[in-house]
Amino acid sequence: YQQEGYFIRKNNIPKEVLESIRSECDRFVAESNKRMTESGQEVLGITQNGKRYFISFPWRESKILQSFVFGDLMEEICKATLGNNAQLYWDQFVVKASEVGTKFSWHQDSAYGDSMPHKPYVSIWCALDDVSEENGTVYILPYSEAGTRDLVKHKAEEGSNDLVGYTGDHPGIPVIVPAGSVAVFSSTAFHRSTSNTTPNMRRVYLVQYSSEEIMKIDGSGVNGEAEPFLKDGVRVR
């Protein structure tokens, strides 16, 4: 993580916890479908109806997710990456529909959110299904291949609202792991994903933590959640 910006751990989420998070994911996707259909919208932010879903802050409405994001596994990963101080910054379900789930372009997470300059935070990409190149897994670009570990300027991609920060030829390292595994990467590590060409959904729960408050670029307040989790190595939530 310190040298290349990421690491991967397999089979970390217990089966019963995995099943409960999957059920919550399906519930939130169904609610998103209903809202978009009723409003007549096909694209909302970077969500595309029937194709891909980015459902932010589901932890607010789910005791199941609250137990997970403030649990033992997340504490262990935060301490290994951020140190003894961590707060929940963001969480979201990222879902690609079967056969039509679209790609997501090369980007750094810190490029999103309209935030003031901040220390890199950590993204924990939790695979709720077995992931492969065929169903649109994430590809990570090591720092040594990107040529930088700093945040770079991104450009908006026409037609998708994606932000693009890398246009080189390196394909990235594909994360090919069974359900219940996690890919952990810095918010300045470039990553992308391809389309889902399989007949099944590809579901991911993404949880992000920071070591400090991340402020909005206009100075109006805190961006994201800033929900306390660890302080001086002790769990406070």
C-alpha atoms as a PDB file:
ATOM      1  CA  TYR A   1       0.000   0.000   0.000  1.00  0.00           C
ATOM      2  CA  GLN A   2       2.759   2.448   0.893  1.00  0.00           C
ATOM      3  CA  GLN A   3       4.860   1.623  -2.178  1.00  0.00           C
ATOM      4  CA  GLU A   4       2.271   1.063  -4.895  1.00  0.00           C
ATOM      5  CA  GLY A   5      -0.964   2.487  -3.478  1.00  0.00           C
ATOM      6  CA  TYR A   6      -2.978  -0.704  -3.013  1.00  0.00           C
ATOM      7  CA  PHE A   7      -3.236  -4.248  -1.674  1.00  0.00           C
ATOM      8  CA  ILE A   8      -5.717  -7.119  -2.028  1.00  0.00           C
ATOM      9  CA  ARG A   9      -7.036  -9.536   0.594  1.00  0.00           C
ATOM     10  CA  LYS A  10      -9.161 -12.564  -0.266  1.00  0.00           C
ATOM     11  CA  ASN A  11     -12.107 -14.062   1.632  1.00  0.00           C
ATOM     12  CA  ASN A  12     -12.128 -11.504   4.449  1.00  0.00           C
ATOM     13  CA  ILE A  13     -15.870 -10.971   4.880  1.00  0.00           C
ATOM     14  CA  PRO A  14     -17.713 -13.797   6.712  1.00  0.00           C
ATOM     15  CA  LYS A  15     -20.388 -15.523   4.636  1.00  0.00           C
ATOM     16  CA  GLU A  16     -23.312 -14.472   6.821  1.00  0.00           C
ATOM     17  CA  VAL A  17     -22.168 -10.837   6.804  1.00  0.00           C
ATOM     18  CA  LEU A  18     -21.676 -10.975   3.047  1.00  0.00           C
ATOM     19  CA  GLU A  19     -25.214 -12.259   2.516  1.00  0.00           C
ATOM     20  CA  SER A  20     -26.718  -9.517   4.658  1.00  0.00           C
ATOM     21  CA  ILE A  21     -24.818  -6.775   2.779  1.00  0.00           C
ATOM     22  CA  ARG A  22     -25.939  -8.263  -0.541  1.00  0.00           C
ATOM     23  CA  SER A  23     -29.560  -8.095   0.600  1.00  0.00           C
ATOM     24  CA  GLU A  24     -29.151  -4.455   1.563  1.00  0.00           C
ATOM     25  CA  CYS A  25     -27.547  -3.704  -1.800  1.00  0.00           C
ATOM     26  CA  ASP A  26     -30.468  -5.249  -3.677  1.00  0.00           C
ATOM     27  CA  ARG A  27     -32.917  -3.245  -1.574  1.00  0.00           C
ATOM     28  CA  PHE A  28     -31.189   0.058  -2.325  1.00  0.00           C
ATOM     29  CA  VAL A  29     -30.947  -0.708  -6.063  1.00  0.00           C
ATOM     30  CA  ALA A  30     -34.683  -1.439  -6.184  1.00  0.00           C
ATOM     31  CA  GLU A  31     -35.389   1.883  -4.452  1.00  0.00           C
ATOM     32  CA  SER A  32     -33.109   3.709  -6.902  1.00  0.00           C
ATOM     33  CA  ASN A  33     -34.900   2.120  -9.862  1.00  0.00           C
ATOM     34  CA  LYS A  34     -38.242   3.224  -8.487  1.00  0.00           C
ATOM     35  CA  ARG A  35     -37.130   6.832  -7.954  1.00  0.00           C
ATOM     36  CA  MET A  36     -35.598   7.175 -11.401  1.00  0.00           C
ATOM     37  CA  THR A  37     -38.545   5.567 -13.171  1.00  0.00           C
ATOM     38  CA  GLU A  38     -41.030   7.797 -11.369  1.00  0.00           C
ATOM     39  CA  SER A  39     -39.012  10.929 -12.212  1.00  0.00           C
ATOM     40  CA  GLY A  40     -38.461   9.895 -15.834  1.00  0.00           C
ATOM     41  CA  GLN A  41     -34.677  10.257 -15.500  1.00  0.00           C
ATOM     42  CA  GLU A  42     -32.214   7.879 -17.134  1.00  0.00           C
ATOM     43  CA  VAL A  43     -29.015   9.514 -15.821  1.00  0.00           C
ATOM     44  CA  LEU A  44     -28.662  10.922 -12.322  1.00  0.00           C
ATOM     45  CA  GLY A  45     -25.113  12.089 -11.557  1.00  0.00           C
ATOM     46  CA  ILE A  46     -22.983   9.117 -12.582  1.00  0.00           C
ATOM     47  CA  THR A  47     -25.816   6.597 -12.083  1.00  0.00           C
ATOM     48  CA  GLN A  48     -27.377   5.267 -15.280  1.00  0.00           C
ATOM     49  CA  ASN A  49     -30.770   3.632 -14.914  1.00  0.00           C
ATOM     50  CA  GLY A  50     -30.640  -0.091 -15.615  1.00  0.00           C
ATOM     51  CA  LYS A  51     -26.906   0.019 -16.335  1.00  0.00           C
ATOM     52  CA  ARG A  52     -24.865   1.121 -13.322  1.00  0.00           C
ATOM     53  CA  TYR A  53     -25.644   2.428  -9.857  1.00  0.00           C
ATOM     54  CA  PHE A  54     -23.717   4.592  -7.395  1.00  0.00           C
ATOM     55  CA  ILE A  55     -25.802   4.729  -4.213  1.00  0.00           C
ATOM     56  CA  SER A  56     -24.163   6.975  -1.634  1.00  0.00           C
ATOM     57  CA  PHE A  57     -24.480   6.906   2.170  1.00  0.00           C
ATOM     58  CA  PRO A  58     -26.598   3.762   2.550  1.00  0.00           C
ATOM     59  CA  TRP A  59     -25.069   3.268   6.026  1.00  0.00           C
ATOM     60  CA  ARG A  60     -27.343   6.030   7.313  1.00  0.00           C
ATOM     61  CA  GLU A  61     -30.387   3.832   6.760  1.00  0.00           C
ATOM     62  CA  SER A  62     -29.038   0.389   7.630  1.00  0.00           C
ATOM     63  CA  LYS A  63     -28.003  -1.080  10.967  1.00  0.00           C
ATOM     64  CA  ILE A  64     -26.429  -3.962   9.046  1.00  0.00           C
ATOM     65  CA  LEU A  65     -24.093  -1.597   7.220  1.00  0.00           C
ATOM     66  CA  GLN A  66     -23.368   0.395  10.386  1.00  0.00           C
ATOM     67  CA  SER A  67     -22.132  -2.770  12.086  1.00  0.00           C
ATOM     68  CA  PHE A  68     -19.852  -3.452   9.121  1.00  0.00           C
ATOM     69  CA  VAL A  69     -18.351   0.005   8.522  1.00  0.00           C
ATOM     70  CA  PHE A  70     -17.555   0.394  12.233  1.00  0.00           C
ATOM     71  CA  GLY A  71     -16.508  -3.235  12.730  1.00  0.00           C
ATOM     72  CA  ASP A  72     -13.334  -5.235  13.286  1.00  0.00           C
ATOM     73  CA  LEU A  73     -12.274  -5.680   9.655  1.00  0.00           C
ATOM     74  CA  MET A  74     -12.557  -1.982   8.843  1.00  0.00           C
ATOM     75  CA  GLU A  75     -10.668  -1.083  12.025  1.00  0.00           C
ATOM     76  CA  GLU A  76      -7.823  -3.410  11.060  1.00  0.00           C
ATOM     77  CA  ILE A  77      -7.556  -1.979   7.548  1.00  0.00           C
ATOM     78  CA  CYS A  78      -7.765   1.635   8.708  1.00  0.00           C
ATOM     79  CA  LYS A  79      -4.966   1.128  11.205  1.00  0.00           C
ATOM     80  CA  ALA A  80      -2.808  -0.540   8.543  1.00  0.00           C
ATOM     81  CA  THR A  81      -3.306   2.292   6.050  1.00  0.00           C
ATOM     82  CA  LEU A  82      -4.225   5.530   7.837  1.00  0.00           C
ATOM     83  CA  GLY A  83      -2.861   4.883  11.306  1.00  0.00           C
ATOM     84  CA  ASN A  84      -4.604   5.350  14.642  1.00  0.00           C
ATOM     85  CA  ASN A  85      -7.060   8.053  13.598  1.00  0.00           C
ATOM     86  CA  ALA A  86      -9.872   7.421  11.145  1.00  0.00           C
ATOM     87  CA  GLN A  87     -13.335   8.674  10.332  1.00  0.00           C
ATOM     88  CA  LEU A  88     -15.896   7.432   7.866  1.00  0.00           C
ATOM     89  CA  TYR A  89     -15.750   9.699   4.833  1.00  0.00           C
ATOM     90  CA  TRP A  90     -18.029   8.023   2.306  1.00  0.00           C
ATOM     91  CA  ASP A  91     -19.799   4.787   1.540  1.00  0.00           C
ATOM     92  CA  GLN A  92     -21.683   3.643  -1.535  1.00  0.00           C
ATOM     93  CA  PHE A  93     -22.928   0.633  -3.418  1.00  0.00           C
ATOM     94  CA  VAL A  94     -21.435   0.360  -6.911  1.00  0.00           C
ATOM     95  CA  VAL A  95     -23.450  -1.992  -9.102  1.00  0.00           C
ATOM     96  CA  LYS A  96     -23.142  -2.969 -12.765  1.00  0.00           C
ATOM     97  CA  ALA A  97     -26.229  -4.493 -14.321  1.00  0.00           C
ATOM     98  CA  SER A  98     -26.004  -7.762 -16.244  1.00  0.00           C
ATOM     99  CA  GLU A  99     -24.814  -7.519 -19.846  1.00  0.00           C
ATOM    100  CA  VAL A 100     -25.271  -3.742 -20.052  1.00  0.00           C
ATOM    101  CA  GLY A 101     -23.242  -2.482 -17.089  1.00  0.00           C
ATOM    102  CA  THR A 102     -21.018   0.263 -18.436  1.00  0.00           C
ATOM    103  CA  LYS A 103     -17.317   0.935 -17.983  1.00  0.00           C
ATOM    104  CA  PHE A 104     -15.850   3.487 -15.562  1.00  0.00           C
ATOM    105  CA  SER A 105     -12.858   5.531 -16.720  1.00  0.00           C
ATOM    106  CA  TRP A 106      -9.369   5.936 -15.198  1.00  0.00           C
ATOM    107  CA  HIS A 107      -9.622   8.224 -12.177  1.00  0.00           C
ATOM    108  CA  GLN A 108      -8.394   8.949  -8.668  1.00  0.00           C
ATOM    109  CA  ASP A 109     -11.069   9.039  -5.973  1.00  0.00           C
ATOM    110  CA  SER A 110      -9.738  12.322  -4.617  1.00  0.00           C
ATOM    111  CA  ALA A 111     -10.708  13.942  -7.935  1.00  0.00           C
ATOM    112  CA  TYR A 112     -14.377  13.537  -7.053  1.00  0.00           C
ATOM    113  CA  GLY A 113     -16.255  15.468  -4.397  1.00  0.00           C
ATOM    114  CA  ASP A 114     -15.269  19.121  -5.008  1.00  0.00           C
ATOM    115  CA  SER A 115     -12.998  19.104  -1.963  1.00  0.00           C
ATOM    116  CA  MET A 116     -10.197  21.313  -0.741  1.00  0.00           C
ATOM    117  CA  PRO A 117      -6.699  19.765  -0.924  1.00  0.00           C
ATOM    118  CA  HIS A 118      -6.498  16.926   1.594  1.00  0.00           C
ATOM    119  CA  LYS A 119      -4.394  14.001   2.707  1.00  0.00           C
ATOM    120  CA  PRO A 120      -5.045  10.809   0.712  1.00  0.00           C
ATOM    121  CA  TYR A 121      -7.850   8.742   2.175  1.00  0.00           C
ATOM    122  CA  VAL A 122      -8.378   4.995   1.832  1.00  0.00           C
ATOM    123  CA  SER A 123     -10.952   3.233  -0.338  1.00  0.00           C
ATOM    124  CA  ILE A 124     -12.014  -0.302   0.614  1.00  0.00           C
ATOM    125  CA  TRP A 125     -13.627  -2.037  -2.372  1.00  0.00           C
ATOM    126  CA  CYS A 126     -15.635  -4.984  -1.044  1.00  0.00           C
ATOM    127  CA  ALA A 127     -16.621  -7.578  -3.653  1.00  0.00           C
ATOM    128  CA  LEU A 128     -20.164  -8.806  -3.001  1.00  0.00           C
ATOM    129  CA  ASP A 129     -19.940 -11.179  -5.985  1.00  0.00           C
ATOM    130  CA  ASP A 130     -17.078 -13.127  -7.538  1.00  0.00           C
ATOM    131  CA  VAL A 131     -15.342 -10.567  -9.757  1.00  0.00           C
ATOM    132  CA  SER A 132     -13.587 -11.136 -13.065  1.00  0.00           C
ATOM    133  CA  GLU A 133     -12.557  -9.275 -16.170  1.00  0.00           C
ATOM    134  CA  GLU A 134     -15.801 -10.460 -17.775  1.00  0.00           C
ATOM    135  CA  ASN A 135     -18.127  -8.906 -15.194  1.00  0.00           C
ATOM    136  CA  GLY A 136     -16.363  -5.569 -14.884  1.00  0.00           C
ATOM    137  CA  THR A 137     -13.914  -5.853 -12.019  1.00  0.00           C
ATOM    138  CA  VAL A 138     -11.699  -2.953 -10.979  1.00  0.00           C
ATOM    139  CA  TYR A 139      -8.226  -2.452 -12.484  1.00  0.00           C
ATOM    140  CA  ILE A 140      -5.635  -0.660 -10.350  1.00  0.00           C
ATOM    141  CA  LEU A 141      -2.644   1.259 -11.697  1.00  0.00           C
ATOM    142  CA  PRO A 142       0.357   0.970  -9.348  1.00  0.00           C
ATOM    143  CA  TYR A 143       2.095   4.236  -8.433  1.00  0.00           C
ATOM    144  CA  SER A 144       5.237   3.039 -10.218  1.00  0.00           C
ATOM    145  CA  GLU A 145       3.311   2.686 -13.489  1.00  0.00           C
ATOM    146  CA  ALA A 146       1.306   5.896 -13.113  1.00  0.00           C
ATOM    147  CA  GLY A 147       4.471   7.893 -12.546  1.00  0.00           C
ATOM    148  CA  THR A 148       2.897   9.816  -9.669  1.00  0.00           C
ATOM    149  CA  ARG A 149       1.276   9.353  -6.312  1.00  0.00           C
ATOM    150  CA  ASP A 150      -0.178  12.886  -6.311  1.00  0.00           C
ATOM    151  CA  LEU A 151      -3.630  14.052  -7.358  1.00  0.00           C
ATOM    152  CA  VAL A 152      -3.678  15.194 -10.986  1.00  0.00           C
ATOM    153  CA  LYS A 153      -6.155  17.312 -12.919  1.00  0.00           C
ATOM    154  CA  HIS A 154      -9.057  15.340 -14.405  1.00  0.00           C
ATOM    155  CA  LYS A 155     -11.297  16.110 -17.379  1.00  0.00           C
ATOM    156  CA  ALA A 156     -15.003  15.298 -17.680  1.00  0.00           C
ATOM    157  CA  GLU A 157     -15.846  12.619 -20.225  1.00  0.00           C
ATOM    158  CA  GLU A 158     -18.687  13.605 -22.521  1.00  0.00           C
ATOM    159  CA  GLY A 159     -21.807  11.469 -22.232  1.00  0.00           C
ATOM    160  CA  SER A 160     -21.006   9.748 -18.939  1.00  0.00           C
ATOM    161  CA  ASN A 161     -20.086  12.458 -16.387  1.00  0.00           C
ATOM    162  CA  ASP A 162     -16.960  10.386 -15.621  1.00  0.00           C
ATOM    163  CA  LEU A 163     -13.771  12.208 -14.673  1.00  0.00           C
ATOM    164  CA  VAL A 164     -10.650  11.005 -16.505  1.00  0.00           C
ATOM    165  CA  GLY A 165      -7.120  11.560 -15.167  1.00  0.00           C
ATOM    166  CA  TYR A 166      -4.979   8.970 -16.964  1.00  0.00           C
ATOM    167  CA  THR A 167      -4.778   8.358 -20.711  1.00  0.00           C
ATOM    168  CA  GLY A 168      -1.711   6.122 -20.885  1.00  0.00           C
ATOM    169  CA  ASP A 169      -1.436   2.618 -22.330  1.00  0.00           C
ATOM    170  CA  HIS A 170      -0.996   0.542 -19.171  1.00  0.00           C
ATOM    171  CA  PRO A 171      -4.085  -1.681 -18.709  1.00  0.00           C
ATOM    172  CA  GLY A 172      -3.790  -1.827 -14.915  1.00  0.00           C
ATOM    173  CA  ILE A 173      -3.816  -4.825 -12.563  1.00  0.00           C
ATOM    174  CA  PRO A 174      -7.204  -6.617 -12.630  1.00  0.00           C
ATOM    175  CA  VAL A 175      -8.669  -7.590  -9.255  1.00  0.00           C
ATOM    176  CA  ILE A 176      -9.858 -11.183  -9.778  1.00  0.00           C
ATOM    177  CA  VAL A 177     -11.134 -12.461  -6.432  1.00  0.00           C
ATOM    178  CA  PRO A 178     -14.051 -14.392  -4.919  1.00  0.00           C
ATOM    179  CA  ALA A 179     -16.970 -12.691  -3.212  1.00  0.00           C
ATOM    180  CA  GLY A 180     -16.085 -11.526   0.281  1.00  0.00           C
ATOM    181  CA  SER A 181     -12.651 -10.243  -0.738  1.00  0.00           C
ATOM    182  CA  VAL A 182     -11.435  -6.644  -0.550  1.00  0.00           C
ATOM    183  CA  ALA A 183      -9.219  -4.425  -2.675  1.00  0.00           C
ATOM    184  CA  VAL A 184      -7.760  -1.572  -0.652  1.00  0.00           C
ATOM    185  CA  PHE A 185      -6.328   1.455  -2.453  1.00  0.00           C
ATOM    186  CA  SER A 186      -5.346   5.039  -1.816  1.00  0.00           C
ATOM    187  CA  SER A 187      -7.533   7.884  -3.031  1.00  0.00           C
ATOM    188  CA  THR A 188      -4.630   8.924  -5.275  1.00  0.00           C
ATOM    189  CA  ALA A 189      -4.259   5.483  -6.890  1.00  0.00           C
ATOM    190  CA  PHE A 190      -5.681   5.392 -10.415  1.00  0.00           C
ATOM    191  CA  HIS A 191      -8.300   2.744 -11.108  1.00  0.00           C
ATOM    192  CA  ARG A 192     -10.929   1.920 -13.704  1.00  0.00           C
ATOM    193  CA  SER A 193     -13.421  -0.809 -14.538  1.00  0.00           C
ATOM    194  CA  THR A 194     -14.796  -2.415 -17.674  1.00  0.00           C
ATOM    195  CA  SER A 195     -18.315  -3.380 -18.754  1.00  0.00           C
ATOM    196  CA  ASN A 196     -20.167  -6.324 -17.276  1.00  0.00           C
ATOM    197  CA  THR A 197     -20.698  -8.798 -20.112  1.00  0.00           C
ATOM    198  CA  THR A 198     -22.106 -11.624 -17.969  1.00  0.00           C
ATOM    199  CA  PRO A 199     -25.801 -12.435 -17.291  1.00  0.00           C
ATOM    200  CA  ASN A 200     -25.468 -11.501 -13.598  1.00  0.00           C
ATOM    201  CA  MET A 201     -25.106  -8.253 -11.664  1.00  0.00           C
ATOM    202  CA  ARG A 202     -21.709  -7.249 -10.325  1.00  0.00           C
ATOM    203  CA  ARG A 203     -22.154  -5.743  -6.876  1.00  0.00           C
ATOM    204  CA  VAL A 204     -19.552  -3.893  -4.792  1.00  0.00           C
ATOM    205  CA  TYR A 205     -19.741  -2.055  -1.482  1.00  0.00           C
ATOM    206  CA  LEU A 206     -17.197   0.770  -1.357  1.00  0.00           C
ATOM    207  CA  VAL A 207     -16.278   2.249   2.031  1.00  0.00           C
ATOM    208  CA  GLN A 208     -13.865   5.163   2.436  1.00  0.00           C
ATOM    209  CA  TYR A 209     -12.115   6.533   5.521  1.00  0.00           C
ATOM    210  CA  SER A 210      -9.968   9.602   6.086  1.00  0.00           C
ATOM    211  CA  SER A 211      -7.561  10.595   8.835  1.00  0.00           C
ATOM    212  CA  GLU A 212      -8.923  14.147   8.946  1.00  0.00           C
ATOM    213  CA  GLU A 213     -11.983  16.170   7.994  1.00  0.00           C
ATOM    214  CA  ILE A 214     -12.199  16.835   4.258  1.00  0.00           C
ATOM    215  CA  MET A 215     -13.596  20.292   3.584  1.00  0.00           C
ATOM    216  CA  LYS A 216     -15.735  21.450   0.669  1.00  0.00           C
ATOM    217  CA  ILE A 217     -13.879  23.500  -1.906  1.00  0.00           C
ATOM    218  CA  ASP A 218     -16.096  26.543  -1.306  1.00  0.00           C
ATOM    219  CA  GLY A 219     -15.296  26.486   2.412  1.00  0.00           C
ATOM    220  CA  SER A 220     -18.934  26.007   3.379  1.00  0.00           C
ATOM    221  CA  GLY A 221     -18.327  22.974   5.579  1.00  0.00           C
ATOM    222  CA  VAL A 222     -17.252  19.355   5.758  1.00  0.00           C
ATOM    223  CA  ASN A 223     -17.489  17.230   2.642  1.00  0.00           C
ATOM    224  CA  GLY A 224     -18.783  13.702   3.078  1.00  0.00           C
ATOM    225  CA  GLU A 225     -19.518  12.272   6.504  1.00  0.00           C
ATOM    226  CA  ALA A 226     -16.604  12.934   8.913  1.00  0.00           C
ATOM    227  CA  GLU A 227     -18.126  10.309  11.231  1.00  0.00           C
ATOM    228  CA  PRO A 228     -15.627   9.460  14.021  1.00  0.00           C
ATOM    229  CA  PHE A 229     -14.391   5.858  14.073  1.00  0.00           C
ATOM    230  CA  LEU A 230     -10.868   5.628  15.578  1.00  0.00           C
ATOM    231  CA  LYS A 231      -9.127   8.135  17.828  1.00  0.00           C
ATOM    232  CA  ASP A 232      -5.598   7.478  19.036  1.00  0.00           C
ATOM    233  CA  GLY A 233      -6.039   3.830  18.176  1.00  0.00           C
ATOM    234  CA  VAL A 234      -9.268   3.398  20.152  1.00  0.00           C
ATOM    235  CA  ARG A 235     -12.619   2.727  18.514  1.00  0.00           C
ATOM    236  CA  VAL A 236     -15.025   5.548  19.392  1.00  0.00           C
ATOM    237  CA  ARG A 237     -17.962   4.350  17.288  1.00  0.00           C
END
